[in-house]
C-alpha atoms as a PDB file:
ATOM      1  CA  MET A   1      48.015  63.986   9.465  1.00  0.00           C
ATOM      2  CA  ASP A   2      50.966  62.277   7.774  1.00  0.00           C
ATOM      3  CA  VAL A   3      50.525  59.017   5.877  1.00  0.00           C
ATOM      4  CA  ASP A   4      52.891  56.228   6.921  1.00  0.00           C
ATOM      5  CA  ARG A   5      54.599  54.030   4.298  1.00  0.00           C
ATOM      6  CA  PRO A   6      52.647  50.797   4.997  1.00  0.00           C
ATOM      7  CA  SER A   7      49.277  52.571   4.770  1.00  0.00           C
ATOM      8  CA  ALA A   8      50.434  54.352   1.610  1.00  0.00           C
ATOM      9  CA  GLU A   9      51.210  50.964   0.032  1.00  0.00           C
ATOM     10  CA  VAL A  10      47.762  49.598   0.887  1.00  0.00           C
ATOM     11  CA  TRP A  11      45.999  52.672  -0.456  1.00  0.00           C
ATOM     12  CA  ALA A  12      48.159  52.740  -3.574  1.00  0.00           C
ATOM     13  CA  SER A  13      46.970  49.202  -4.336  1.00  0.00           C
ATOM     14  CA  TRP A  14      43.376  50.455  -4.106  1.00  0.00           C
ATOM     15  CA  PHE A  15      44.010  53.377  -6.452  1.00  0.00           C
ATOM     16  CA  ARG A  16      45.867  51.149  -8.955  1.00  0.00           C
ATOM     17  CA  CYS A  17      42.955  48.730  -8.922  1.00  0.00           C
ATOM     18  CA  LEU A  18      40.515  51.504  -9.778  1.00  0.00           C
ATOM     19  CA  GLY A  19      42.748  52.708 -12.610  1.00  0.00           C
ATOM     20  CA  ASP A  20      40.704  50.663 -15.096  1.00  0.00           C
ATOM     21  CA  GLY A  21      37.281  51.840 -16.255  1.00  0.00           C
ATOM     22  CA  SER A  22      35.861  48.324 -16.466  1.00  0.00           C
ATOM     23  CA  ARG A  23      36.735  47.645 -12.830  1.00  0.00           C
ATOM     24  CA  VAL A  24      35.104  50.911 -11.799  1.00  0.00           C
ATOM     25  CA  LEU A  25      31.948  49.906 -13.698  1.00  0.00           C
ATOM     26  CA  ILE A  26      31.911  46.430 -12.155  1.00  0.00           C
ATOM     27  CA  LEU A  27      32.367  47.822  -8.664  1.00  0.00           C
ATOM     28  CA  ASN A  28      29.631  50.387  -9.288  1.00  0.00           C
ATOM     29  CA  ARG A  29      27.153  47.766 -10.525  1.00  0.00           C
ATOM     30  CA  LEU A  30      27.839  45.559  -7.502  1.00  0.00           C
ATOM     31  CA  ALA A  31      27.468  48.491  -5.114  1.00  0.00           C
ATOM     32  CA  VAL A  32      24.218  49.659  -6.703  1.00  0.00           C
ATOM     33  CA  ALA A  33      22.759  46.124  -6.803  1.00  0.00           C
ATOM     34  CA  ARG A  34      23.298  45.757  -3.029  1.00  0.00           C
ATOM     35  CA  ARG A  35      23.215  41.976  -3.414  1.00  0.00           C
ATOM     36  CA  PRO A  36      25.569  39.240  -4.586  1.00  0.00           C
ATOM     37  CA  MET A  37      25.718  38.877  -8.367  1.00  0.00           C
ATOM     38  CA  SER A  38      26.900  36.057 -10.617  1.00  0.00           C
ATOM     39  CA  VAL A  39      29.525  36.636 -13.298  1.00  0.00           C
ATOM     40  CA  GLY A  40      26.787  36.319 -15.932  1.00  0.00           C
ATOM     41  CA  GLU A  41      24.731  39.074 -14.313  1.00  0.00           C
ATOM     42  CA  ILE A  42      27.783  41.303 -14.139  1.00  0.00           C
ATOM     43  CA  VAL A  43      28.643  40.599 -17.792  1.00  0.00           C
ATOM     44  CA  ASP A  44      25.133  41.708 -18.775  1.00  0.00           C
ATOM     45  CA  ALA A  45      25.333  44.808 -16.569  1.00  0.00           C
ATOM     46  CA  VAL A  46      28.664  46.105 -17.893  1.00  0.00           C
ATOM     47  CA  ASP A  47      28.552  44.781 -21.491  1.00  0.00           C
ATOM     48  CA  VAL A  48      32.036  43.262 -21.289  1.00  0.00           C
ATOM     49  CA  GLY A  49      32.983  39.678 -22.135  1.00  0.00           C
ATOM     50  CA  GLN A  50      32.931  36.965 -19.484  1.00  0.00           C
ATOM     51  CA  PRO A  51      36.699  36.284 -19.474  1.00  0.00           C
ATOM     52  CA  THR A  52      37.410  39.996 -19.039  1.00  0.00           C
ATOM     53  CA  VAL A  53      34.852  40.364 -16.239  1.00  0.00           C
ATOM     54  CA  SER A  54      36.299  37.323 -14.464  1.00  0.00           C
ATOM     55  CA  HIS A  55      39.800  38.812 -14.734  1.00  0.00           C
ATOM     56  CA  HIS A  56      38.647  42.143 -13.301  1.00  0.00           C
ATOM     57  CA  LEU A  57      36.713  40.444 -10.481  1.00  0.00           C
ATOM     58  CA  LYS A  58      39.886  38.575  -9.535  1.00  0.00           C
ATOM     59  CA  ILE A  59      41.801  41.857  -9.274  1.00  0.00           C
ATOM     60  CA  LEU A  60      39.001  43.537  -7.296  1.00  0.00           C
ATOM     61  CA  ALA A  61      38.955  40.560  -4.907  1.00  0.00           C
ATOM     62  CA  GLU A  62      42.751  40.560  -4.512  1.00  0.00           C
ATOM     63  CA  VAL A  63      42.643  44.166  -3.318  1.00  0.00           C
ATOM     64  CA  GLY A  64      39.640  43.534  -1.076  1.00  0.00           C
ATOM     65  CA  PHE A  65      36.960  45.622  -2.791  1.00  0.00           C
ATOM     66  CA  VAL A  66      34.938  42.518  -3.744  1.00  0.00           C
ATOM     67  CA  LEU A  67      34.121  39.360  -1.801  1.00  0.00           C
ATOM     68  CA  MET A  68      33.301  36.035  -3.456  1.00  0.00           C
ATOM     69  CA  GLU A  69      31.123  33.247  -2.117  1.00  0.00           C
ATOM     70  CA  GLN A  70      30.546  29.855  -3.663  1.00  0.00           C
ATOM     71  CA  ARG A  71      26.943  28.601  -3.824  1.00  0.00           C
ATOM     72  CA  GLY A  72      26.884  25.207  -5.437  1.00  0.00           C
ATOM     73  CA  ASN A  73      28.401  25.648  -8.895  1.00  0.00           C
ATOM     74  CA  VAL A  74      27.931  29.417  -8.925  1.00  0.00           C
ATOM     75  CA  ARG A  75      30.338  32.049  -7.681  1.00  0.00           C
ATOM     76  CA  LEU A  76      28.598  35.131  -6.381  1.00  0.00           C
ATOM     77  CA  TYR A  77      30.380  38.448  -5.969  1.00  0.00           C
ATOM     78  CA  ARG A  78      29.472  41.297  -3.677  1.00  0.00           C
ATOM     79  CA  VAL A  79      31.006  44.526  -2.515  1.00  0.00           C
ATOM     80  CA  ASN A  80      33.060  44.571   0.662  1.00  0.00           C
ATOM     81  CA  ASP A  81      30.946  47.282   2.309  1.00  0.00           C
ATOM     82  CA  HIS A  82      33.524  48.137   4.944  1.00  0.00           C
ATOM     83  CA  CYS A  83      36.136  48.722   2.274  1.00  0.00           C
ATOM     84  CA  LEU A  84      33.886  51.122   0.382  1.00  0.00           C
ATOM     85  CA  GLU A  85      33.144  52.986   3.619  1.00  0.00           C
ATOM     86  CA  VAL A  86      36.798  53.667   4.379  1.00  0.00           C
ATOM     87  CA  PHE A  87      37.962  54.316   0.806  1.00  0.00           C
ATOM     88  CA  PRO A  88      36.845  57.979   0.779  1.00  0.00           C
ATOM     89  CA  SER A  89      38.680  58.493   4.063  1.00  0.00           C
ATOM     90  CA  ALA A  90      41.871  57.116   2.540  1.00  0.00           C
ATOM     91  CA  ALA A  91      41.534  59.572  -0.347  1.00  0.00           C
ATOM     92  CA  GLU A  92      40.881  62.431   2.079  1.00  0.00           C
ATOM     93  CA  LEU A  93      43.919  61.515   4.140  1.00  0.00           C
ATOM     94  CA  VAL A  94      46.167  61.307   1.074  1.00  0.00           C
ATOM     95  CA  MET A  95      44.967  64.783   0.076  1.00  0.00           C
ATOM     96  CA  GLY A  96      45.774  66.159   3.532  1.00  0.00           C
ATOM     97  CA  GLN A  97      42.201  66.425   4.756  1.00  0.00           C
ATOM     98  CA  LEU A  98      40.899  65.047   8.022  1.00  0.00           C
ATOM     99  CA  PRO A  99      39.296  61.646   7.310  1.00  0.00           C
ATOM    100  CA  ARG A 100      35.676  60.934   8.208  1.00  0.00           C
ATOM    101  CA  TYR A 101      36.523  57.464   9.544  1.00  0.00           C
ATOM    102  CA  ALA A 102      39.528  55.857  11.139  1.00  0.00           C
ATOM    103  CA  PRO A 103      41.920  55.447   8.187  1.00  0.00           C
ATOM    104  CA  VAL A 104      43.102  51.960   9.177  1.00  0.00           C
ATOM    105  CA  PRO A 105      42.315  49.615   6.246  1.00  0.00           C
ATOM    106  CA  THR A 106      41.798  46.550   8.448  1.00  0.00           C
ATOM    107  CA  GLU A 107      39.059  44.753   6.518  1.00  0.00           C
ATOM    108  CA  CYS A 108      40.115  45.943   3.097  1.00  0.00           C
ATOM    109  CA  ARG A 109      43.526  44.425   2.860  1.00  0.00           C
ATOM    110  CA  ALA A 110      44.437  42.147   0.017  1.00  0.00           C
ATOM    111  CA  PRO A 111      45.522  38.564   0.671  1.00  0.00           C
ATOM    112  CA  TRP A 112      49.163  39.613   0.173  1.00  0.00           C
ATOM    113  CA  GLN A 113      48.883  42.107   3.025  1.00  0.00           C
ATOM    114  CA  GLN A 114      49.384  41.002   6.607  1.00  0.00           C
ATOM    115  CA  THR A 115      47.891  43.045   9.431  1.00  0.00           C
ATOM    116  CA  ASP A 116      50.244  44.364  12.068  1.00  0.00           C
ATOM    117  CA  HIS A 117      48.230  45.972  14.851  1.00  0.00           C
ATOM    118  CA  SER A 118      51.009  48.199  16.084  1.00  0.00           C
ATOM    119  CA  ASP A 119      50.472  51.281  18.213  1.00  0.00           C
ATOM    120  CA  ASN A 120      50.127  53.526  15.163  1.00  0.00           C
ATOM    121  CA  GLY A 121      47.514  51.316  13.463  1.00  0.00           C
ATOM    122  CA  SER A 122      49.619  50.791  10.359  1.00  0.00           C
ATOM    123  CA  VAL A 123      49.389  47.802   8.050  1.00  0.00           C
ATOM    124  CA  THR A 124      52.501  45.878   7.112  1.00  0.00           C
ATOM    125  CA  THR A 125      52.590  44.533   3.572  1.00  0.00           C
ATOM    126  CA  GLN A 126      54.372  41.539   2.209  1.00  0.00           C
ATOM    127  CA  GLY A 127      54.853  40.974  -1.511  1.00  0.00           C
ATOM    128  CA  GLU A 128      53.334  43.130  -4.189  1.00  0.00           C
ATOM    129  CA  ALA A 129      49.896  43.518  -5.673  1.00  0.00           C
ATOM    130  CA  THR A 130      49.283  43.201  -9.362  1.00  0.00           C
ATOM    131  CA  ALA A 131      46.643  45.303 -10.960  1.00  0.00           C
END
């Protein structure tokens, strides 16, 4: 199965995001916790300073790996479960293997990506991600 350009751009943003060890650790701790966590809890779990953790959470949220909810004065972060489910399929597809799930990154797009439900299921991007 060939990868189309718009899907390649979405998946490239995911891979760029995970190109930092601290972001991988943060995502892992959130996935293992299986519950929303505050920035303070994440700081304690990854032994990285609060400003750095906040910066990495922003990047993870921009790509769609992490969701944020506001509860009073506290921001809680959790994993976007759907995004983590389809990520291995994106990697399989890039490597020329048949994906386990439909490779359309519908619920894992970053805010700068606009969905275009065309016949081929591709995602149209606008702008560029920063990671």
